Amino acid sequence: MLLGKKRKIGRQIEEMSIGEKLTLTEKIEDKDLLLFLGLTNDSNPLYIQHDYASQTSYKKPIVPTIMLTGFVTSAVSKYMPGPGSHIKSHSLSFPKPLYHYATVDYVFEIKSIDRPKSEVEISVRGTDESGDTVISGTVIACPPSKLQKFEGSALDNF
């Protein structure tokens, strides 16, 4: 339950350094695809209909690229820099389609830090089981700000 407890804030810009890396692995399961497509109300037959997809150049259903982007934004929010951070921009490409039941290995690396702007540039690369790149690019994120000491309980759930 997100509202039931205080969440630890991620790392502030002073705690980060160029060259830091994070690796994550995500397995694409039917339940995740169906939940995502239901949530976004996306009924593209290329994503879910085997008979349609078999007649395309892809030959079978593919994973929506925005779902791969979601794993990227989630990693920024959860780990690098972590809770309290905000993505200002991203530039991502998807050179190869990803198919259902695939596993994606993501590597995130801090490429630059702009302390005056309170921004970090994070490179992103995701590869499939064959080692082929399925997502690559950069994310510009603002790490969480140093919080003022707050007396009281009005913000306990946030």
N, C-alpha and C. Protein backbone atom coordinates (compact mmCIF):
# COMPACT_ATOMS: atom_id res chain seq x y z
N MET A 1 0.85 -1.18 0.00
CA MET A 1 0.00 0.00 0.00
C MET A 1 0.89 1.24 0.00
N LEU A 2 0.80 2.04 -1.01
CA LEU A 2 1.68 3.20 -1.13
C LEU A 2 1.36 4.30 -0.14
N LEU A 3 0.07 4.49 0.19
CA LEU A 3 -0.28 5.59 1.06
C LEU A 3 -0.17 5.25 2.53
N GLY A 4 0.10 4.00 2.87
CA GLY A 4 0.12 3.58 4.26
C GLY A 4 1.44 3.78 4.97
N LYS A 5 2.51 4.06 4.26
CA LYS A 5 3.80 4.22 4.91
C LYS A 5 4.63 5.29 4.21
N LYS A 6 5.55 5.85 4.97
CA LYS A 6 6.46 6.81 4.38
C LYS A 6 7.46 6.06 3.51
N ARG A 7 7.78 6.64 2.35
CA ARG A 7 8.74 6.02 1.45
C ARG A 7 10.08 6.73 1.60
N LYS A 8 11.12 5.94 1.56
CA LYS A 8 12.46 6.51 1.62
C LYS A 8 12.70 7.29 0.32
N ILE A 9 13.26 8.46 0.45
CA ILE A 9 13.57 9.30 -0.71
C ILE A 9 14.87 8.80 -1.34
N GLY A 10 14.95 8.88 -2.67
CA GLY A 10 16.13 8.45 -3.41
C GLY A 10 17.34 9.33 -3.13
N ARG A 11 18.39 9.07 -3.88
CA ARG A 11 19.63 9.79 -3.67
C ARG A 11 19.60 11.18 -4.28
N GLN A 12 20.15 12.12 -3.53
CA GLN A 12 20.24 13.49 -4.02
C GLN A 12 21.44 13.60 -4.95
N ILE A 13 21.49 14.69 -5.71
CA ILE A 13 22.50 14.85 -6.75
C ILE A 13 23.93 14.79 -6.18
N GLU A 14 24.12 15.27 -4.95
CA GLU A 14 25.44 15.25 -4.33
C GLU A 14 25.92 13.83 -4.06
N GLU A 15 25.02 12.88 -3.99
CA GLU A 15 25.35 11.49 -3.68
C GLU A 15 25.61 10.65 -4.93
N MET A 16 25.49 11.24 -6.10
CA MET A 16 25.61 10.51 -7.35
C MET A 16 26.94 10.84 -8.03
N SER A 17 27.43 9.89 -8.86
CA SER A 17 28.68 10.14 -9.57
C SER A 17 28.62 9.58 -10.99
N ILE A 18 29.35 10.22 -11.88
CA ILE A 18 29.42 9.78 -13.27
C ILE A 18 30.01 8.37 -13.32
N GLY A 19 29.42 7.54 -14.14
CA GLY A 19 29.89 6.17 -14.30
C GLY A 19 29.13 5.14 -13.47
N GLU A 20 28.31 5.59 -12.53
CA GLU A 20 27.50 4.64 -11.75
C GLU A 20 26.61 3.85 -12.70
N LYS A 21 26.44 2.56 -12.39
CA LYS A 21 25.61 1.70 -13.23
C LYS A 21 24.57 0.96 -12.41
N LEU A 22 23.49 0.65 -13.09
CA LEU A 22 22.41 -0.16 -12.52
C LEU A 22 22.01 -1.17 -13.58
N THR A 23 21.88 -2.42 -13.20
CA THR A 23 21.40 -3.44 -14.13
C THR A 23 20.11 -4.04 -13.58
N LEU A 24 19.15 -4.25 -14.46
CA LEU A 24 17.87 -4.84 -14.12
C LEU A 24 17.47 -5.83 -15.19
N THR A 25 16.70 -6.83 -14.81
CA THR A 25 16.16 -7.78 -15.77
C THR A 25 14.64 -7.81 -15.63
N GLU A 26 13.96 -7.71 -16.76
CA GLU A 26 12.49 -7.74 -16.79
C GLU A 26 12.05 -8.86 -17.73
N LYS A 27 11.17 -9.72 -17.25
CA LYS A 27 10.59 -10.79 -18.06
C LYS A 27 9.19 -10.34 -18.47
N ILE A 28 8.88 -10.42 -19.76
CA ILE A 28 7.59 -10.00 -20.28
C ILE A 28 6.64 -11.20 -20.23
N GLU A 29 5.64 -11.11 -19.38
CA GLU A 29 4.65 -12.18 -19.21
C GLU A 29 3.31 -11.73 -19.77
N ASP A 30 2.47 -12.70 -20.11
CA ASP A 30 1.13 -12.39 -20.63
C ASP A 30 0.35 -11.49 -19.68
N LYS A 31 0.39 -11.81 -18.39
CA LYS A 31 -0.39 -11.03 -17.42
C LYS A 31 0.03 -9.56 -17.43
N ASP A 32 1.33 -9.30 -17.58
CA ASP A 32 1.83 -7.93 -17.60
C ASP A 32 1.36 -7.21 -18.86
N LEU A 33 1.46 -7.90 -20.00
CA LEU A 33 1.01 -7.32 -21.27
C LEU A 33 -0.48 -7.00 -21.23
N LEU A 34 -1.28 -7.94 -20.77
CA LEU A 34 -2.73 -7.73 -20.73
C LEU A 34 -3.11 -6.62 -19.77
N LEU A 35 -2.44 -6.57 -18.63
CA LEU A 35 -2.71 -5.50 -17.66
C LEU A 35 -2.35 -4.15 -18.26
N PHE A 36 -1.18 -4.07 -18.88
CA PHE A 36 -0.74 -2.82 -19.50
C PHE A 36 -1.70 -2.38 -20.60
N LEU A 37 -2.03 -3.30 -21.49
CA LEU A 37 -2.92 -2.95 -22.61
C LEU A 37 -4.31 -2.58 -22.12
N GLY A 38 -4.79 -3.25 -21.08
CA GLY A 38 -6.08 -2.90 -20.51
C GLY A 38 -6.06 -1.53 -19.86
N LEU A 39 -4.99 -1.25 -19.15
CA LEU A 39 -4.85 0.04 -18.48
C LEU A 39 -4.80 1.20 -19.48
N THR A 40 -4.12 0.98 -20.60
CA THR A 40 -3.98 2.04 -21.60
C THR A 40 -5.07 1.99 -22.66
N ASN A 41 -5.95 0.98 -22.58
CA ASN A 41 -7.04 0.81 -23.54
C ASN A 41 -6.50 0.69 -24.97
N ASP A 42 -5.39 -0.03 -25.10
CA ASP A 42 -4.74 -0.22 -26.39
C ASP A 42 -5.11 -1.60 -26.93
N SER A 43 -5.78 -1.63 -28.05
CA SER A 43 -6.21 -2.91 -28.63
C SER A 43 -5.56 -3.15 -29.99
N ASN A 44 -4.35 -2.65 -30.16
CA ASN A 44 -3.62 -2.86 -31.41
C ASN A 44 -3.46 -4.37 -31.64
N PRO A 45 -3.95 -4.88 -32.76
CA PRO A 45 -3.85 -6.33 -33.00
C PRO A 45 -2.41 -6.83 -33.12
N LEU A 46 -1.48 -5.94 -33.42
CA LEU A 46 -0.08 -6.34 -33.51
C LEU A 46 0.46 -6.78 -32.15
N TYR A 47 -0.17 -6.32 -31.07
CA TYR A 47 0.29 -6.64 -29.73
C TYR A 47 -0.35 -7.90 -29.16
N ILE A 48 -1.54 -8.29 -29.66
CA ILE A 48 -2.26 -9.37 -28.99
C ILE A 48 -2.85 -10.45 -29.89
N GLN A 49 -2.95 -10.21 -31.16
CA GLN A 49 -3.61 -11.18 -32.04
C GLN A 49 -2.58 -11.94 -32.88
N HIS A 50 -2.42 -13.21 -32.55
CA HIS A 50 -1.44 -14.05 -33.25
C HIS A 50 -1.77 -14.19 -34.74
N ASP A 51 -3.06 -14.32 -35.07
CA ASP A 51 -3.43 -14.50 -36.47
C ASP A 51 -3.10 -13.25 -37.29
N TYR A 52 -3.35 -12.07 -36.73
CA TYR A 52 -3.01 -10.83 -37.43
C TYR A 52 -1.49 -10.69 -37.54
N ALA A 53 -0.80 -10.81 -36.41
CA ALA A 53 0.66 -10.60 -36.38
C ALA A 53 1.38 -11.56 -37.31
N SER A 54 0.86 -12.77 -37.47
CA SER A 54 1.52 -13.75 -38.34
C SER A 54 1.54 -13.31 -39.80
N GLN A 55 0.67 -12.38 -40.15
CA GLN A 55 0.60 -11.88 -41.53
C GLN A 55 1.44 -10.62 -41.75
N THR A 56 2.12 -10.17 -40.70
CA THR A 56 2.97 -8.98 -40.80
C THR A 56 4.43 -9.39 -40.90
N SER A 57 5.30 -8.42 -41.07
CA SER A 57 6.74 -8.72 -41.13
C SER A 57 7.27 -9.20 -39.77
N TYR A 58 6.54 -8.98 -38.69
CA TYR A 58 6.97 -9.40 -37.36
C TYR A 58 6.72 -10.89 -37.11
N LYS A 59 5.73 -11.46 -37.80
CA LYS A 59 5.38 -12.89 -37.74
C LYS A 59 4.68 -13.33 -36.45
N LYS A 60 4.82 -12.55 -35.38
CA LYS A 60 4.13 -12.87 -34.13
C LYS A 60 3.96 -11.58 -33.33
N PRO A 61 3.07 -11.58 -32.32
CA PRO A 61 2.82 -10.35 -31.56
C PRO A 61 4.09 -9.80 -30.90
N ILE A 62 4.16 -8.48 -30.87
CA ILE A 62 5.30 -7.80 -30.27
C ILE A 62 4.88 -7.05 -29.01
N VAL A 63 5.86 -6.68 -28.22
CA VAL A 63 5.64 -5.90 -27.00
C VAL A 63 5.57 -4.43 -27.38
N PRO A 64 4.57 -3.69 -26.87
CA PRO A 64 4.50 -2.25 -27.16
C PRO A 64 5.76 -1.53 -26.64
N THR A 65 6.30 -0.66 -27.45
CA THR A 65 7.52 0.05 -27.04
C THR A 65 7.27 0.94 -25.82
N ILE A 66 6.07 1.43 -25.67
CA ILE A 66 5.79 2.28 -24.50
C ILE A 66 5.85 1.46 -23.21
N MET A 67 5.62 0.16 -23.31
CA MET A 67 5.76 -0.70 -22.14
C MET A 67 7.23 -0.81 -21.74
N LEU A 68 8.13 -0.91 -22.73
CA LEU A 68 9.56 -0.92 -22.44
C LEU A 68 9.98 0.41 -21.82
N THR A 69 9.41 1.50 -22.33
CA THR A 69 9.68 2.82 -21.76
C THR A 69 9.22 2.87 -20.31
N GLY A 70 8.11 2.23 -20.02
CA GLY A 70 7.61 2.17 -18.64
C GLY A 70 8.60 1.52 -17.68
N PHE A 71 9.28 0.48 -18.13
CA PHE A 71 10.30 -0.15 -17.30
C PHE A 71 11.45 0.83 -17.02
N VAL A 72 11.78 1.65 -18.02
CA VAL A 72 12.84 2.65 -17.86
C VAL A 72 12.42 3.70 -16.82
N THR A 73 11.23 4.26 -16.97
CA THR A 73 10.80 5.30 -16.04
C THR A 73 10.63 4.74 -14.63
N SER A 74 10.20 3.49 -14.53
CA SER A 74 10.08 2.84 -13.23
C SER A 74 11.44 2.68 -12.57
N ALA A 75 12.45 2.31 -13.34
CA ALA A 75 13.80 2.15 -12.78
C ALA A 75 14.34 3.48 -12.25
N VAL A 76 14.06 4.56 -12.96
CA VAL A 76 14.48 5.88 -12.49
C VAL A 76 13.76 6.21 -11.19
N SER A 77 12.46 5.96 -11.12
CA SER A 77 11.67 6.26 -9.93
C SER A 77 12.03 5.39 -8.73
N LYS A 78 12.41 4.14 -8.99
CA LYS A 78 12.68 3.22 -7.89
C LYS A 78 14.14 3.18 -7.46
N TYR A 79 15.07 3.35 -8.41
CA TYR A 79 16.47 3.08 -8.10
C TYR A 79 17.48 4.19 -8.42
N MET A 80 17.37 4.79 -9.59
CA MET A 80 18.42 5.70 -10.04
C MET A 80 17.83 6.95 -10.65
N PRO A 81 17.67 8.01 -9.93
CA PRO A 81 18.12 8.29 -8.57
C PRO A 81 17.21 7.71 -7.48
N GLY A 82 15.94 7.39 -7.80
CA GLY A 82 15.06 6.76 -6.83
C GLY A 82 13.86 7.62 -6.50
N PRO A 83 13.10 7.22 -5.46
CA PRO A 83 11.87 7.92 -5.09
C PRO A 83 12.08 9.41 -4.87
N GLY A 84 11.20 10.19 -5.43
CA GLY A 84 11.29 11.65 -5.34
C GLY A 84 11.91 12.27 -6.57
N SER A 85 12.45 11.46 -7.47
CA SER A 85 13.06 11.99 -8.69
C SER A 85 11.98 12.23 -9.75
N HIS A 86 12.37 12.97 -10.77
CA HIS A 86 11.42 13.33 -11.83
C HIS A 86 12.14 13.31 -13.17
N ILE A 87 11.53 12.67 -14.16
CA ILE A 87 12.11 12.65 -15.50
C ILE A 87 11.67 13.90 -16.25
N LYS A 88 12.65 14.66 -16.74
CA LYS A 88 12.35 15.87 -17.51
C LYS A 88 12.23 15.58 -18.99
N SER A 89 13.04 14.63 -19.49
CA SER A 89 12.96 14.28 -20.91
C SER A 89 13.59 12.91 -21.11
N HIS A 90 13.23 12.32 -22.24
CA HIS A 90 13.89 11.07 -22.63
C HIS A 90 13.91 10.99 -24.14
N SER A 91 14.94 10.34 -24.63
CA SER A 91 15.10 10.09 -26.06
C SER A 91 15.46 8.62 -26.18
N LEU A 92 14.48 7.81 -26.63
CA LEU A 92 14.67 6.37 -26.70
C LEU A 92 14.38 5.87 -28.10
N SER A 93 15.14 4.87 -28.52
CA SER A 93 14.88 4.23 -29.80
C SER A 93 14.71 2.72 -29.57
N PHE A 94 14.06 2.09 -30.52
CA PHE A 94 13.71 0.67 -30.41
C PHE A 94 14.13 -0.02 -31.70
N PRO A 95 15.44 -0.37 -31.83
CA PRO A 95 15.96 -0.86 -33.10
C PRO A 95 15.48 -2.26 -33.51
N LYS A 96 14.97 -3.02 -32.56
CA LYS A 96 14.52 -4.37 -32.86
C LYS A 96 13.26 -4.65 -32.05
N PRO A 97 12.26 -5.32 -32.65
CA PRO A 97 11.05 -5.62 -31.87
C PRO A 97 11.35 -6.66 -30.78
N LEU A 98 10.56 -6.59 -29.74
CA LEU A 98 10.65 -7.56 -28.66
C LEU A 98 9.36 -8.37 -28.67
N TYR A 99 9.49 -9.67 -28.52
CA TYR A 99 8.33 -10.55 -28.58
C TYR A 99 7.88 -10.98 -27.19
N HIS A 100 6.66 -11.45 -27.12
CA HIS A 100 6.09 -11.93 -25.86
C HIS A 100 7.02 -12.98 -25.24
N TYR A 101 7.03 -13.04 -23.93
CA TYR A 101 7.81 -13.98 -23.11
C TYR A 101 9.31 -13.72 -23.14
N ALA A 102 9.72 -12.63 -23.73
CA ALA A 102 11.15 -12.30 -23.78
C ALA A 102 11.62 -11.78 -22.42
N THR A 103 12.93 -11.79 -22.27
CA THR A 103 13.58 -11.21 -21.10
C THR A 103 14.45 -10.06 -21.60
N VAL A 104 14.37 -8.93 -20.92
CA VAL A 104 15.17 -7.76 -21.28
C VAL A 104 16.14 -7.46 -20.14
N ASP A 105 17.41 -7.36 -20.48
CA ASP A 105 18.43 -6.94 -19.53
C ASP A 105 18.72 -5.47 -19.78
N TYR A 106 18.43 -4.64 -18.78
CA TYR A 106 18.65 -3.20 -18.88
C TYR A 106 19.95 -2.82 -18.18
N VAL A 107 20.67 -1.87 -18.78
CA VAL A 107 21.83 -1.26 -18.13
C VAL A 107 21.62 0.25 -18.17
N PHE A 108 21.67 0.85 -17.00
CA PHE A 108 21.54 2.30 -16.84
C PHE A 108 22.89 2.82 -16.34
N GLU A 109 23.34 3.95 -16.91
CA GLU A 109 24.61 4.52 -16.47
C GLU A 109 24.52 6.03 -16.44
N ILE A 110 25.01 6.61 -15.34
CA ILE A 110 25.04 8.06 -15.24
C ILE A 110 26.16 8.58 -16.12
N LYS A 111 25.80 9.40 -17.11
CA LYS A 111 26.76 9.92 -18.08
C LYS A 111 27.23 11.33 -17.74
N SER A 112 26.34 12.14 -17.17
CA SER A 112 26.74 13.49 -16.79
C SER A 112 25.87 13.98 -15.65
N ILE A 113 26.42 14.93 -14.91
CA ILE A 113 25.72 15.53 -13.77
C ILE A 113 25.83 17.03 -13.91
N ASP A 114 24.69 17.71 -13.90
CA ASP A 114 24.65 19.18 -13.96
C ASP A 114 24.07 19.66 -12.64
N ARG A 115 24.97 19.94 -11.69
CA ARG A 115 24.52 20.34 -10.35
C ARG A 115 23.73 21.64 -10.35
N PRO A 116 24.15 22.69 -11.09
CA PRO A 116 23.35 23.93 -11.08
C PRO A 116 21.90 23.71 -11.54
N LYS A 117 21.70 22.84 -12.52
CA LYS A 117 20.34 22.56 -12.99
C LYS A 117 19.67 21.44 -12.21
N SER A 118 20.43 20.78 -11.34
CA SER A 118 19.95 19.61 -10.60
C SER A 118 19.42 18.53 -11.55
N GLU A 119 20.28 18.18 -12.54
CA GLU A 119 19.91 17.17 -13.54
C GLU A 119 21.02 16.14 -13.69
N VAL A 120 20.60 14.91 -13.94
CA VAL A 120 21.55 13.86 -14.31
C VAL A 120 21.12 13.28 -15.64
N GLU A 121 22.10 12.97 -16.48
CA GLU A 121 21.83 12.29 -17.75
C GLU A 121 22.17 10.83 -17.56
N ILE A 122 21.20 9.98 -17.87
CA ILE A 122 21.35 8.54 -17.68
C ILE A 122 21.21 7.86 -19.04
N SER A 123 22.22 7.07 -19.42
CA SER A 123 22.09 6.30 -20.65
C SER A 123 21.33 5.01 -20.32
N VAL A 124 20.60 4.52 -21.32
CA VAL A 124 19.77 3.33 -21.16
C VAL A 124 20.05 2.39 -22.33
N ARG A 125 20.22 1.11 -22.01
CA ARG A 125 20.33 0.10 -23.06
C ARG A 125 19.67 -1.16 -22.56
N GLY A 126 18.79 -1.70 -23.39
CA GLY A 126 18.13 -2.96 -23.06
C GLY A 126 18.38 -3.96 -24.15
N THR A 127 18.77 -5.18 -23.77
CA THR A 127 19.05 -6.22 -24.74
C THR A 127 18.19 -7.45 -24.47
N ASP A 128 17.88 -8.18 -25.54
CA ASP A 128 17.10 -9.41 -25.40
C ASP A 128 18.02 -10.59 -25.14
N GLU A 129 17.45 -11.79 -25.11
CA GLU A 129 18.23 -12.99 -24.81
C GLU A 129 19.35 -13.25 -25.81
N SER A 130 19.20 -12.75 -27.03
CA SER A 130 20.23 -12.92 -28.06
C SER A 130 21.34 -11.87 -27.96
N GLY A 131 21.18 -10.92 -27.05
CA GLY A 131 22.16 -9.84 -26.92
C GLY A 131 21.90 -8.68 -27.86
N ASP A 132 20.77 -8.75 -28.59
CA ASP A 132 20.42 -7.66 -29.51
C ASP A 132 19.77 -6.51 -28.75
N THR A 133 20.10 -5.29 -29.13
CA THR A 133 19.53 -4.11 -28.49
C THR A 133 18.08 -3.94 -28.90
N VAL A 134 17.19 -3.81 -27.91
CA VAL A 134 15.77 -3.59 -28.18
C VAL A 134 15.32 -2.20 -27.73
N ILE A 135 16.14 -1.54 -26.91
CA ILE A 135 15.87 -0.16 -26.51
C ILE A 135 17.20 0.50 -26.14
N SER A 136 17.36 1.76 -26.58
CA SER A 136 18.56 2.50 -26.21
C SER A 136 18.24 3.99 -26.23
N GLY A 137 19.01 4.74 -25.47
CA GLY A 137 18.81 6.18 -25.45
C GLY A 137 19.27 6.80 -24.15
N THR A 138 18.68 7.96 -23.86
CA THR A 138 19.05 8.70 -22.66
C THR A 138 17.81 9.23 -21.95
N VAL A 139 17.99 9.46 -20.67
CA VAL A 139 16.95 10.05 -19.82
C VAL A 139 17.62 11.20 -19.06
N ILE A 140 16.93 12.33 -19.00
CA ILE A 140 17.36 13.44 -18.15
C ILE A 140 16.42 13.45 -16.95
N ALA A 141 16.99 13.30 -15.76
CA ALA A 141 16.18 13.23 -14.55
C ALA A 141 16.67 14.22 -13.51
N CYS A 142 15.73 14.71 -12.71
CA CYS A 142 16.05 15.54 -11.55
C CYS A 142 15.99 14.66 -10.31
N PRO A 143 17.11 14.48 -9.62
CA PRO A 143 17.08 13.71 -8.38
C PRO A 143 16.21 14.42 -7.34
N PRO A 144 15.82 13.71 -6.29
CA PRO A 144 14.99 14.35 -5.27
C PRO A 144 15.71 15.51 -4.61
N SER A 145 14.94 16.51 -4.25
CA SER A 145 15.49 17.69 -3.57
C SER A 145 15.68 17.40 -2.09
N LYS A 146 16.59 18.16 -1.51
CA LYS A 146 16.76 18.08 -0.06
C LYS A 146 15.51 18.68 0.57
N LEU A 147 14.89 17.94 1.46
CA LEU A 147 13.64 18.41 2.06
C LEU A 147 13.90 19.24 3.31
N GLN A 148 13.03 20.20 3.52
CA GLN A 148 13.05 20.99 4.73
C GLN A 148 12.50 20.14 5.87
N LYS A 149 12.98 20.34 7.06
CA LYS A 149 12.43 19.62 8.21
C LYS A 149 11.00 20.09 8.40
N PHE A 150 10.09 19.14 8.55
CA PHE A 150 8.68 19.46 8.67
C PHE A 150 8.15 18.95 9.99
N GLU A 151 7.51 19.82 10.73
CA GLU A 151 6.89 19.42 12.00
C GLU A 151 5.43 19.14 11.76
N GLY A 152 4.96 18.01 12.27
CA GLY A 152 3.55 17.68 12.11
C GLY A 152 3.37 16.37 11.36
N SER A 153 2.10 16.06 11.10
CA SER A 153 1.80 14.78 10.45
C SER A 153 0.94 14.94 9.20
N ALA A 154 0.77 16.15 8.72
CA ALA A 154 -0.12 16.37 7.57
C ALA A 154 0.36 15.65 6.33
N LEU A 155 1.67 15.43 6.18
CA LEU A 155 2.22 14.80 4.99
C LEU A 155 2.64 13.35 5.22
N ASP A 156 2.15 12.73 6.29
CA ASP A 156 2.58 11.37 6.62
C ASP A 156 2.37 10.38 5.50
N ASN A 157 1.35 10.54 4.70
CA ASN A 157 1.05 9.57 3.64
C ASN A 157 1.78 9.86 2.34
N PHE A 158 2.55 10.89 2.28
CA PHE A 158 3.19 11.25 1.01
C PHE A 158 4.70 11.16 1.11
